[in-house]
Amino acid sequence: MLEFRSVGTWTPLHADVFRSYSWSANVCGRKQWLFLPPSQSHRVFDRYEKVSFGISYHYLLLLAKTLVTMLNGRMKAYQVTR
């Protein structure tokens, strides 16, 4: 899949189609992933064990343990500290 997005756009919490594995690369711009520790994963599912789409970026950032950023094709991982 190829996506073109403008500045300031984002994708809410989601699961990729069929829970597939994929590669991601940016030609320009920035992309971020937030990784939660397994102990916090229950906080992103609804009562039917489906991904809850109403969760905000700021809430996820509070739960996240690792932040991965890709900027112009270079990737860096950071431990989130509070």
Protein backbone atom coordinates (compact mmCIF):
# COMPACT_ATOMS: atom_id res chain seq x y z
CA MET A 1 0.00 0.00 0.00
CA LEU A 2 1.26 3.46 -0.85
CA GLU A 3 0.04 6.48 1.06
CA PHE A 4 0.49 10.18 0.50
CA ARG A 5 -0.39 12.42 3.41
CA SER A 6 -0.16 16.12 4.06
CA VAL A 7 1.50 17.81 7.02
CA GLY A 8 -0.27 17.30 10.32
CA THR A 9 -2.27 14.22 9.38
CA TRP A 10 -2.27 11.10 11.51
CA THR A 11 -3.84 7.69 11.76
CA PRO A 12 -5.60 6.73 14.98
CA LEU A 13 -4.90 3.50 16.83
CA HIS A 14 -5.59 0.60 14.49
CA ALA A 15 -4.66 -2.94 13.61
CA ASP A 16 -3.34 -3.58 10.11
CA VAL A 17 -5.49 -5.59 7.72
CA PHE A 18 -5.63 -9.26 8.72
CA ARG A 19 -3.07 -8.44 11.46
CA SER A 20 -0.47 -8.52 8.73
CA TYR A 21 3.17 -7.62 9.04
CA SER A 22 4.37 -4.80 6.87
CA TRP A 23 7.35 -2.61 6.11
CA SER A 24 7.20 1.12 6.40
CA ALA A 25 9.45 3.73 4.87
CA ASN A 26 9.25 7.47 4.60
CA VAL A 27 10.70 9.36 1.67
CA CYS A 28 10.27 12.59 3.58
CA GLY A 29 8.49 13.71 6.70
CA ARG A 30 8.11 11.96 10.04
CA LYS A 31 6.27 8.88 11.25
CA GLN A 32 5.95 7.70 14.83
CA TRP A 33 4.97 4.45 16.50
CA LEU A 34 4.12 4.11 20.17
CA PHE A 35 4.76 0.73 21.79
CA LEU A 36 2.97 -0.23 24.98
CA PRO A 37 4.30 -2.75 27.47
CA PRO A 38 2.27 -5.99 27.50
CA SER A 39 0.99 -5.11 30.99
CA GLN A 40 -0.85 -2.09 29.51
CA SER A 41 -2.24 -3.71 26.35
CA HIS A 42 -5.65 -4.39 27.94
CA ARG A 43 -6.21 -0.62 28.03
CA VAL A 44 -6.55 -0.36 24.24
CA PHE A 45 -9.27 -2.99 23.77
CA ASP A 46 -13.01 -2.66 24.26
CA ARG A 47 -15.15 -5.22 26.09
CA TYR A 48 -15.32 -7.36 22.92
CA GLU A 49 -11.50 -7.50 22.76
CA LYS A 50 -11.45 -5.34 19.63
CA VAL A 51 -9.11 -2.36 19.26
CA SER A 52 -10.84 0.69 20.70
CA PHE A 53 -10.67 3.42 18.07
CA GLY A 54 -11.60 6.25 20.43
CA ILE A 55 -8.23 6.37 22.16
CA SER A 56 -6.31 9.61 21.77
CA TYR A 57 -2.64 10.00 20.89
CA HIS A 58 -2.04 11.76 24.22
CA TYR A 59 -3.55 8.85 26.18
CA LEU A 60 -1.37 6.38 24.27
CA LEU A 61 1.67 8.53 24.93
CA LEU A 62 0.96 8.27 28.66
CA LEU A 63 0.89 4.46 28.40
CA ALA A 64 3.78 4.06 25.97
CA LYS A 65 7.11 2.65 27.01
CA THR A 66 8.90 3.07 23.68
CA LEU A 67 8.57 5.68 20.96
CA VAL A 68 9.99 4.99 17.51
CA THR A 69 10.38 7.87 15.07
CA MET A 70 11.24 7.70 11.39
CA LEU A 71 12.40 11.02 9.97
CA ASN A 72 13.44 11.25 6.33
CA GLY A 73 14.21 7.54 6.19
CA ARG A 74 16.20 7.34 9.45
CA MET A 75 14.75 5.50 12.40
CA LYS A 76 15.39 6.09 16.11
CA ALA A 77 13.92 4.44 19.20
CA TYR A 78 13.49 6.21 22.51
CA GLN A 79 12.54 4.99 25.95
CA VAL A 80 9.66 7.10 27.24
CA THR A 81 10.46 8.56 30.64
CA ARG A 82 8.15 10.45 32.91
